[in-house]
Amino acid sequence: MRASACSAGGEAELALALAAVGKQLAQAHLGQFRASVEGTARELHPIVREDVLRIAREALTNAFQHAKAELVEVEVAYGEDELHMRVRDDGQGMNDDVLRTGRPGHWGLLGMRERAKKIRANLTLWSKPGAGTEVDLRVPSRVAYRSLTSRRFWRGL
């Protein structure tokens, strides 16, 4: 599934797109995948939707391909104050150096950080060798949700 395939349509397409990506990766890598949604789905600003999807896709791909996780979970929570997305896996984890700077010649973690910064999100990466990885993304509601306020915010950039 292409990231742009979820650019139009209903409010729930972010969670649906993440579930589709996760299921596809789980089948290809013989892992288990779980997805959950909390709160009432809200329409996202298209830029936020695209960047959150790309960050999550990178995290899911890393979990199945590089971490060799057996179980990967993605959670999307539509809160009043923020959009919250978390990807968690039980894979082999990363050491602090890789977590900080990424692997040489790979741009995944750097790209995730740049996308998060662009949408004014807080991105937290946690990982320990042998203990899995967690990617936690929190986008302020004034940026994430499509409303008159967010339209004014994005025009001001």
Protein backbone atom coordinates (compact mmCIF):
# COMPACT_ATOMS: atom_id res chain seq x y z
CA MET A 1 0.00 0.00 0.00
CA ARG A 2 1.37 3.41 -0.95
CA ALA A 3 1.36 6.16 1.67
CA SER A 4 -0.63 8.43 -0.60
CA ALA A 5 -3.35 5.83 -0.96
CA CYS A 6 -4.82 7.09 2.29
CA SER A 7 -4.79 10.78 1.39
CA ALA A 8 -8.47 11.04 0.65
CA GLY A 9 -11.54 9.65 2.29
CA GLY A 10 -12.88 9.17 5.79
CA GLU A 11 -11.46 10.09 9.14
CA ALA A 12 -10.26 6.60 10.04
CA GLU A 13 -7.91 6.10 7.11
CA LEU A 14 -4.73 6.58 9.18
CA ALA A 15 -5.54 3.65 11.44
CA LEU A 16 -6.77 1.57 8.50
CA ALA A 17 -3.62 2.32 6.48
CA LEU A 18 -1.37 1.44 9.44
CA ALA A 19 -3.27 -1.81 9.98
CA ALA A 20 -2.88 -2.71 6.29
CA VAL A 21 0.86 -2.00 6.33
CA GLY A 22 1.34 -3.97 9.55
CA LYS A 23 -0.63 -6.98 8.30
CA GLN A 24 1.29 -7.01 5.03
CA LEU A 25 4.67 -6.91 6.82
CA ALA A 26 3.58 -9.55 9.34
CA GLN A 27 2.64 -11.94 6.54
CA ALA A 28 5.91 -11.33 4.69
CA HIS A 29 8.02 -11.84 7.83
CA LEU A 30 5.91 -14.47 9.61
CA GLY A 31 5.28 -12.29 12.65
CA GLN A 32 2.22 -11.32 14.63
CA PHE A 33 0.66 -7.88 14.35
CA ARG A 34 -1.92 -6.06 16.44
CA ALA A 35 -3.50 -2.67 15.87
CA SER A 36 -5.75 -0.67 18.16
CA VAL A 37 -7.52 2.69 18.03
CA GLU A 38 -8.64 4.75 21.01
CA GLY A 39 -10.98 7.72 20.97
CA THR A 40 -13.18 9.03 18.22
CA ALA A 41 -11.42 9.17 14.87
CA ARG A 42 -10.95 12.73 13.64
CA GLU A 43 -10.01 14.10 10.26
CA LEU A 44 -6.30 14.84 10.13
CA HIS A 45 -4.52 17.57 8.27
CA PRO A 46 -3.16 15.90 5.07
CA ILE A 47 0.47 16.78 5.86
CA VAL A 48 0.19 15.31 9.35
CA ARG A 49 -1.55 12.18 8.08
CA GLU A 50 1.17 11.60 5.49
CA ASP A 51 4.08 12.18 7.89
CA VAL A 52 2.58 10.09 10.71
CA LEU A 53 1.97 7.28 8.23
CA ARG A 54 5.56 7.45 6.96
CA ILE A 55 7.00 7.50 10.49
CA ALA A 56 4.86 4.52 11.45
CA ARG A 57 5.68 2.67 8.23
CA GLU A 58 9.41 3.09 8.95
CA ALA A 59 8.94 1.88 12.53
CA LEU A 60 6.89 -1.13 11.40
CA THR A 61 9.39 -2.02 8.67
CA ASN A 62 12.29 -1.75 11.12
CA ALA A 63 10.48 -3.96 13.61
CA PHE A 64 9.79 -6.77 11.18
CA GLN A 65 12.88 -6.58 8.97
CA HIS A 66 15.72 -5.43 11.21
CA ALA A 67 14.57 -6.26 14.75
CA LYS A 68 13.14 -9.62 13.69
CA ALA A 69 10.23 -9.06 16.05
CA GLU A 70 7.71 -11.82 16.66
CA LEU A 71 5.02 -9.38 17.83
CA VAL A 72 4.54 -5.80 16.66
CA GLU A 73 1.79 -3.51 17.90
CA VAL A 74 0.59 -0.14 16.67
CA GLU A 75 -1.75 2.09 18.65
CA VAL A 76 -3.47 5.24 17.46
CA ALA A 77 -5.23 7.46 20.00
CA TYR A 78 -7.32 10.45 18.97
CA GLY A 79 -7.16 12.61 22.09
CA GLU A 80 -8.46 16.09 22.76
CA ASP A 81 -4.95 17.48 23.27
CA GLU A 82 -3.01 15.34 20.82
CA LEU A 83 -2.89 12.61 18.25
CA HIS A 84 -0.83 9.80 19.73
CA MET A 85 0.72 6.99 17.71
CA ARG A 86 2.90 4.24 19.17
CA VAL A 87 4.68 1.31 17.55
CA ARG A 88 6.06 -1.31 19.91
CA ASP A 89 7.92 -4.56 19.18
CA ASP A 90 9.53 -7.46 21.01
CA GLY A 91 12.53 -7.62 18.67
CA GLN A 92 16.24 -7.58 19.28
CA GLY A 93 16.37 -3.86 20.08
CA MET A 94 19.13 -1.34 19.41
CA ASN A 95 22.06 -0.08 21.40
CA ASP A 96 22.24 3.59 22.42
CA ASP A 97 24.61 4.58 19.60
CA VAL A 98 22.33 3.21 16.88
CA LEU A 99 19.30 4.72 18.59
CA ARG A 100 20.97 8.15 18.69
CA THR A 101 22.51 8.31 15.22
CA GLY A 102 21.09 5.39 13.22
CA ARG A 103 23.06 2.81 11.32
CA PRO A 104 25.68 4.04 8.85
CA GLY A 105 24.18 4.38 5.39
CA HIS A 106 20.60 4.14 6.70
CA TRP A 107 18.34 7.17 6.97
CA GLY A 108 15.26 5.69 8.67
CA LEU A 109 15.68 7.09 12.17
CA LEU A 110 16.91 10.43 10.88
CA GLY A 111 13.93 10.63 8.50
CA MET A 112 11.52 9.84 11.34
CA ARG A 113 12.99 12.62 13.45
CA GLU A 114 12.88 15.13 10.57
CA ARG A 115 9.24 14.32 9.80
CA ALA A 116 8.27 14.65 13.45
CA LYS A 117 9.98 18.02 13.69
CA LYS A 118 8.22 19.22 10.53
CA ILE A 119 4.79 18.56 12.04
CA ARG A 120 5.76 19.93 15.48
CA ALA A 121 5.44 16.49 17.04
CA ASN A 122 7.27 14.99 19.98
CA LEU A 123 9.03 11.77 18.91
CA THR A 124 10.45 9.49 21.58
CA LEU A 125 12.45 6.40 20.68
CA TRP A 126 13.18 3.77 23.30
CA SER A 127 15.14 0.59 22.76
CA LYS A 128 17.46 -1.79 24.56
CA PRO A 129 19.30 -4.79 23.12
CA GLY A 130 17.16 -7.88 23.65
CA ALA A 131 14.20 -5.86 24.95
CA GLY A 132 12.53 -4.51 21.81
CA THR A 133 11.82 -0.99 20.64
CA GLU A 134 9.10 1.59 21.14
CA VAL A 135 8.41 4.56 18.88
CA ASP A 136 6.11 7.11 20.50
CA LEU A 137 4.79 10.06 18.47
CA ARG A 138 2.60 12.83 19.88
CA VAL A 139 1.21 15.55 17.60
CA PRO A 140 -0.52 18.53 19.22
CA SER A 141 -4.22 18.66 18.34
CA ARG A 142 -3.98 22.20 16.90
CA VAL A 143 -1.57 20.80 14.29
CA ALA A 144 -2.97 17.29 13.81
CA TYR A 145 -6.68 17.73 13.43
CA ARG A 146 -8.26 19.40 10.44
CA SER A 147 -10.13 22.41 11.72
CA LEU A 148 -10.22 26.16 11.26
CA THR A 149 -7.44 26.50 13.83
CA SER A 150 -5.11 24.01 12.10
CA ARG A 151 -5.78 25.58 8.70
CA ARG A 152 -4.60 28.93 10.04
CA PHE A 153 -1.61 27.26 11.69
CA TRP A 154 -0.45 25.59 8.46
CA ARG A 155 -0.94 28.73 6.35
CA GLY A 156 1.35 30.57 8.75
CA LEU A 157 4.30 28.29 8.04
